[in-house]
Amino acid sequence: MIQIKKVEKQIHWPTLNTVIMVEDTLKKMNESIISIADLKRKLPRQVNHITLMVILEYLERSNKIAVTLKGLTWIENNNPNLKKAIMQGMEI
């Protein structure tokens, strides 16, 4: 009996520590926009490219980063006054 192995695209799923490391690096960056190559250089540990793409997709879907042609930037705002104003529909 011959077994046929299904070849699938390997996705390296990130650990929570890796996601937090990328988030912290993006939060603490001095530049307003950073390229993916520059982000890789600034990370304390090396991260697989596919794993980093999975993390960046998650951060973009959760509205923590914005990805543009020039690069990416941290956009999450934890200001409670801003959140309250948004919830109440007040203009700023």
N, C-alpha and C. Protein backbone atom coordinates (compact mmCIF):
# COMPACT_ATOMS: atom_id res chain seq x y z
N MET A 1 0.85 -1.17 0.00
CA MET A 1 0.00 0.00 0.00
C MET A 1 0.90 1.24 0.00
N ILE A 2 0.65 2.14 -0.91
CA ILE A 2 1.44 3.37 -1.03
C ILE A 2 0.65 4.51 -0.41
N GLN A 3 1.32 5.24 0.46
CA GLN A 3 0.68 6.41 1.07
C GLN A 3 1.08 7.66 0.30
N ILE A 4 0.11 8.46 -0.03
CA ILE A 4 0.37 9.71 -0.74
C ILE A 4 0.30 10.84 0.28
N LYS A 5 1.41 11.57 0.37
CA LYS A 5 1.44 12.69 1.31
C LYS A 5 0.96 13.94 0.60
N LYS A 6 0.10 14.63 1.25
CA LYS A 6 -0.42 15.89 0.73
C LYS A 6 0.56 17.00 1.09
N VAL A 7 1.04 17.69 0.07
CA VAL A 7 1.98 18.78 0.30
C VAL A 7 1.18 20.04 0.56
N GLU A 8 1.37 20.61 1.72
CA GLU A 8 0.66 21.84 2.08
C GLU A 8 1.67 22.95 2.30
N LYS A 9 1.23 24.15 2.11
CA LYS A 9 2.07 25.30 2.39
C LYS A 9 2.30 25.34 3.90
N GLN A 10 3.56 25.35 4.28
CA GLN A 10 3.87 25.35 5.70
C GLN A 10 3.72 26.75 6.27
N ILE A 11 2.88 26.86 7.28
CA ILE A 11 2.71 28.12 7.99
C ILE A 11 3.33 27.94 9.36
N HIS A 12 4.22 28.84 9.69
CA HIS A 12 4.84 28.81 11.00
C HIS A 12 3.99 29.68 11.93
N TRP A 13 3.18 29.06 12.76
CA TRP A 13 2.31 29.80 13.65
C TRP A 13 3.12 30.41 14.77
N PRO A 14 2.93 31.69 15.03
CA PRO A 14 3.73 32.36 16.07
C PRO A 14 3.28 31.99 17.48
N THR A 15 4.23 32.06 18.39
CA THR A 15 3.88 31.89 19.80
C THR A 15 3.43 33.24 20.34
N LEU A 16 2.79 33.22 21.48
CA LEU A 16 2.34 34.47 22.10
C LEU A 16 3.54 35.37 22.41
N ASN A 17 4.64 34.79 22.85
CA ASN A 17 5.84 35.59 23.14
C ASN A 17 6.34 36.32 21.90
N THR A 18 6.28 35.66 20.75
CA THR A 18 6.74 36.29 19.52
C THR A 18 5.81 37.43 19.11
N VAL A 19 4.51 37.24 19.25
CA VAL A 19 3.55 38.29 18.92
C VAL A 19 3.78 39.51 19.83
N ILE A 20 3.96 39.28 21.11
CA ILE A 20 4.20 40.36 22.06
C ILE A 20 5.50 41.08 21.75
N MET A 21 6.54 40.32 21.37
CA MET A 21 7.82 40.92 21.02
C MET A 21 7.67 41.87 19.82
N VAL A 22 6.95 41.45 18.81
CA VAL A 22 6.74 42.29 17.62
C VAL A 22 5.91 43.52 17.99
N GLU A 23 4.84 43.34 18.78
CA GLU A 23 4.02 44.47 19.22
C GLU A 23 4.86 45.49 19.98
N ASP A 24 5.65 45.02 20.94
CA ASP A 24 6.47 45.94 21.75
C ASP A 24 7.47 46.69 20.89
N THR A 25 8.06 46.00 19.93
CA THR A 25 9.03 46.65 19.04
C THR A 25 8.35 47.74 18.22
N LEU A 26 7.17 47.47 17.71
CA LEU A 26 6.45 48.47 16.92
C LEU A 26 5.99 49.65 17.78
N LYS A 27 5.55 49.38 19.02
CA LYS A 27 5.11 50.45 19.91
C LYS A 27 6.25 51.40 20.26
N LYS A 28 7.44 50.84 20.45
CA LYS A 28 8.57 51.62 20.94
C LYS A 28 9.44 52.21 19.84
N MET A 29 9.09 52.05 18.58
CA MET A 29 9.94 52.55 17.50
C MET A 29 9.91 54.07 17.46
N ASN A 30 11.03 54.65 17.07
CA ASN A 30 11.15 56.11 17.01
C ASN A 30 10.57 56.67 15.72
N GLU A 31 10.64 55.88 14.66
CA GLU A 31 10.15 56.34 13.37
C GLU A 31 8.63 56.23 13.32
N SER A 32 8.01 57.04 12.48
CA SER A 32 6.56 56.94 12.36
C SER A 32 6.18 55.80 11.42
N ILE A 33 7.01 55.55 10.40
CA ILE A 33 6.76 54.46 9.47
C ILE A 33 8.03 53.62 9.38
N ILE A 34 7.86 52.30 9.36
CA ILE A 34 9.01 51.40 9.30
C ILE A 34 8.73 50.32 8.26
N SER A 35 9.77 49.94 7.52
CA SER A 35 9.62 48.87 6.54
C SER A 35 9.72 47.52 7.25
N ILE A 36 9.29 46.48 6.58
CA ILE A 36 9.35 45.15 7.17
C ILE A 36 10.81 44.73 7.37
N ALA A 37 11.68 45.09 6.42
CA ALA A 37 13.10 44.76 6.56
C ALA A 37 13.71 45.45 7.77
N ASP A 38 13.36 46.72 7.99
CA ASP A 38 13.88 47.44 9.16
C ASP A 38 13.32 46.85 10.45
N LEU A 39 12.05 46.45 10.42
CA LEU A 39 11.45 45.82 11.60
C LEU A 39 12.19 44.54 11.95
N LYS A 40 12.51 43.74 10.96
CA LYS A 40 13.25 42.50 11.20
C LYS A 40 14.59 42.78 11.88
N ARG A 41 15.26 43.86 11.46
CA ARG A 41 16.56 44.22 12.05
C ARG A 41 16.42 44.71 13.49
N LYS A 42 15.29 45.33 13.82
CA LYS A 42 15.10 45.89 15.16
C LYS A 42 14.60 44.87 16.18
N LEU A 43 14.08 43.74 15.70
CA LEU A 43 13.57 42.73 16.63
C LEU A 43 14.72 42.13 17.45
N PRO A 44 14.49 41.90 18.74
CA PRO A 44 15.54 41.33 19.59
C PRO A 44 15.94 39.91 19.19
N ARG A 45 15.00 39.17 18.61
CA ARG A 45 15.28 37.80 18.15
C ARG A 45 14.87 37.71 16.69
N GLN A 46 15.52 36.80 15.97
CA GLN A 46 15.18 36.57 14.58
C GLN A 46 13.84 35.86 14.48
N VAL A 47 13.01 36.30 13.52
CA VAL A 47 11.69 35.72 13.32
C VAL A 47 11.58 35.28 11.87
N ASN A 48 11.05 34.09 11.65
CA ASN A 48 10.81 33.57 10.30
C ASN A 48 9.92 34.56 9.55
N HIS A 49 10.21 34.77 8.25
CA HIS A 49 9.46 35.75 7.45
C HIS A 49 7.97 35.42 7.40
N ILE A 50 7.65 34.15 7.17
CA ILE A 50 6.23 33.75 7.08
C ILE A 50 5.54 33.98 8.43
N THR A 51 6.22 33.68 9.52
CA THR A 51 5.66 33.89 10.85
C THR A 51 5.42 35.38 11.09
N LEU A 52 6.37 36.21 10.67
CA LEU A 52 6.21 37.66 10.83
C LEU A 52 5.03 38.16 10.02
N MET A 53 4.83 37.62 8.82
CA MET A 53 3.69 38.04 8.00
C MET A 53 2.36 37.66 8.66
N VAL A 54 2.32 36.50 9.31
CA VAL A 54 1.11 36.08 10.04
C VAL A 54 0.84 37.05 11.18
N ILE A 55 1.88 37.44 11.91
CA ILE A 55 1.73 38.38 13.03
C ILE A 55 1.26 39.73 12.52
N LEU A 56 1.87 40.23 11.45
CA LEU A 56 1.48 41.54 10.91
C LEU A 56 0.05 41.53 10.38
N GLU A 57 -0.37 40.43 9.80
CA GLU A 57 -1.76 40.32 9.34
C GLU A 57 -2.72 40.37 10.53
N TYR A 58 -2.37 39.67 11.60
CA TYR A 58 -3.19 39.72 12.82
C TYR A 58 -3.26 41.14 13.38
N LEU A 59 -2.12 41.82 13.47
CA LEU A 59 -2.09 43.18 14.02
C LEU A 59 -2.88 44.15 13.15
N GLU A 60 -2.84 43.95 11.85
CA GLU A 60 -3.61 44.82 10.95
C GLU A 60 -5.11 44.55 11.10
N ARG A 61 -5.51 43.30 11.19
CA ARG A 61 -6.93 42.96 11.35
C ARG A 61 -7.48 43.45 12.69
N SER A 62 -6.63 43.51 13.71
CA SER A 62 -7.09 43.98 15.02
C SER A 62 -6.91 45.48 15.19
N ASN A 63 -6.63 46.18 14.09
CA ASN A 63 -6.49 47.65 14.06
C ASN A 63 -5.41 48.18 15.00
N LYS A 64 -4.33 47.44 15.10
CA LYS A 64 -3.19 47.91 15.91
C LYS A 64 -2.12 48.53 15.03
N ILE A 65 -2.04 48.13 13.77
CA ILE A 65 -1.09 48.72 12.84
C ILE A 65 -1.80 49.09 11.55
N ALA A 66 -1.19 50.00 10.81
CA ALA A 66 -1.66 50.34 9.47
C ALA A 66 -0.54 49.98 8.51
N VAL A 67 -0.88 49.31 7.44
CA VAL A 67 0.10 48.90 6.44
C VAL A 67 -0.15 49.71 5.18
N THR A 68 0.89 50.41 4.71
CA THR A 68 0.80 51.21 3.49
C THR A 68 1.92 50.81 2.55
N LEU A 69 1.98 51.45 1.41
CA LEU A 69 3.05 51.17 0.46
C LEU A 69 4.42 51.58 1.02
N LYS A 70 4.45 52.60 1.88
CA LYS A 70 5.71 53.08 2.44
C LYS A 70 6.18 52.22 3.61
N GLY A 71 5.30 51.48 4.24
CA GLY A 71 5.68 50.66 5.38
C GLY A 71 4.51 50.48 6.33
N LEU A 72 4.84 50.25 7.59
CA LEU A 72 3.78 50.06 8.58
C LEU A 72 4.03 50.94 9.80
N THR A 73 2.95 51.23 10.49
CA THR A 73 3.04 52.09 11.66
C THR A 73 2.03 51.63 12.71
N TRP A 74 2.36 51.89 13.97
CA TRP A 74 1.49 51.54 15.10
C TRP A 74 0.40 52.60 15.21
N ILE A 75 -0.87 52.18 15.24
CA ILE A 75 -1.97 53.15 15.30
C ILE A 75 -2.90 52.94 16.49
N GLU A 76 -2.71 51.89 17.27
CA GLU A 76 -3.61 51.63 18.40
C GLU A 76 -3.48 52.76 19.42
N ASN A 77 -4.61 53.21 19.94
CA ASN A 77 -4.62 54.27 20.93
C ASN A 77 -5.43 53.79 22.14
N ASN A 78 -4.77 53.72 23.29
CA ASN A 78 -5.43 53.24 24.51
C ASN A 78 -5.92 54.37 25.42
N ASN A 79 -6.02 55.56 24.90
CA ASN A 79 -6.46 56.70 25.69
C ASN A 79 -7.93 56.51 26.07
N PRO A 80 -8.23 56.42 27.38
CA PRO A 80 -9.63 56.19 27.78
C PRO A 80 -10.56 57.34 27.41
N ASN A 81 -10.05 58.57 27.38
CA ASN A 81 -10.90 59.70 26.99
C ASN A 81 -11.30 59.61 25.52
N LEU A 82 -10.37 59.17 24.68
CA LEU A 82 -10.68 59.00 23.26
C LEU A 82 -11.71 57.89 23.07
N LYS A 83 -11.53 56.78 23.76
CA LYS A 83 -12.48 55.68 23.67
C LYS A 83 -13.87 56.12 24.12
N LYS A 84 -13.94 56.89 25.20
CA LYS A 84 -15.23 57.37 25.72
C LYS A 84 -15.89 58.30 24.71
N ALA A 85 -15.09 59.18 24.09
CA ALA A 85 -15.63 60.12 23.09
C ALA A 85 -16.16 59.35 21.88
N ILE A 86 -15.46 58.32 21.47
CA ILE A 86 -15.91 57.52 20.33
C ILE A 86 -17.20 56.79 20.68
N MET A 87 -17.26 56.21 21.87
CA MET A 87 -18.45 55.48 22.29
C MET A 87 -19.68 56.39 22.39
N GLN A 88 -19.48 57.63 22.81
CA GLN A 88 -20.60 58.56 22.96
C GLN A 88 -20.90 59.29 21.66
N GLY A 89 -20.04 59.14 20.67
CA GLY A 89 -20.27 59.78 19.39
C GLY A 89 -20.01 61.26 19.38
N MET A 90 -19.17 61.74 20.30
CA MET A 90 -18.86 63.16 20.36
C MET A 90 -17.81 63.50 19.29
N GLU A 91 -17.90 64.71 18.74
CA GLU A 91 -16.89 65.17 17.80
C GLU A 91 -15.72 65.73 18.59
N ILE A 92 -14.54 65.47 18.06
CA ILE A 92 -13.35 65.98 18.74
C ILE A 92 -12.80 67.17 18.01
